[in-house]
């Protein structure tokens, strides 16, 4: 019972406090380790496509292994001192693995800038939570970027880590966060990371394959709870869930687009280059700033469903695993 209770406590703390900026965060240290390892591996391996593939493969093995191993040992040693100390450590890392309130707060800040600030301020705010170029985004582009981020990060920042946390506690949850952080830092198809980041990107695809699909179903179920259209979410998800090059990212975007009755995705600029992505959803109406709040309501509703469904299924996982 320790792991489900730790996940529940971590989830509730996240809903109340979000991420505490004053507290050391595992993802920050993962990022530093990725940067350091990249420098070393690029020196060690040949500067050829094959050499970069091998170097990236080593990185994709080391970071998750270190994240799992260190957290497992820390919890084990804490348990030798006192079981409650191990529990507190589990709760801390469960909290830091989840990002419900943080995502909602950051996206709502975009909404506030659109309502009371300037378009430049809205672009700056949305740049905090998206990977695309934002300097030339229109108000519509800012809205779409914020909604897409809420949709995609429900899987990456809530459902997927919660699933791994409930299966293997904080060590497995942090192992997932390591994979996700690697992909966000090196999993790009640009000149620098086309080969070096390929292993990280593929590993992230594998890790998110099941969670992204479960996330889409949870968002569809949550649509009525947030004033959305469940039938529309189901229809668009069935039709558009495979439209992205990634096997996972269109899963949740299509569910949210259908629930809100708007069109998402389309061409976007990354590192100064336009990527011609297909549109997802139907252009039944123009996106408006209120869609950000609607997406946030879906985020909260789906997160609660996620906790209930995944937590309720955990006894069955214990038998299977």
Foldseek 3Di string as FASTA:
>chain_A
DLLLVLLVLLVVCCQVPNDDPVDDAPLVVLVVVLVVLVVVQPVVFDPDLVRLLVSLLVNLPPSLVCLLVVLVVVLVVLVVVPPVSSSVSLNVLSNSQAGLVVLLVLLVVLLVCLVPNDQCVSLVSLVVQDQFRRRPDDNLRSLQSSLLSLQQCLLRHFQLLSLQCLLPTSSSSSSLVSLVSLCVVQVDCDPVRVRNSPNSLVVNLVSRVVSLQVLLVLLLVCLVVLVWDSVQLVVLLVVCCCQFPRNRSSNRVQSLQRRHQDKHDAWTHHPRDIDGGDIGGDHPDRDDSCSSVSSSSSSVSSNVVSSVVSVVCSVVSVVVD
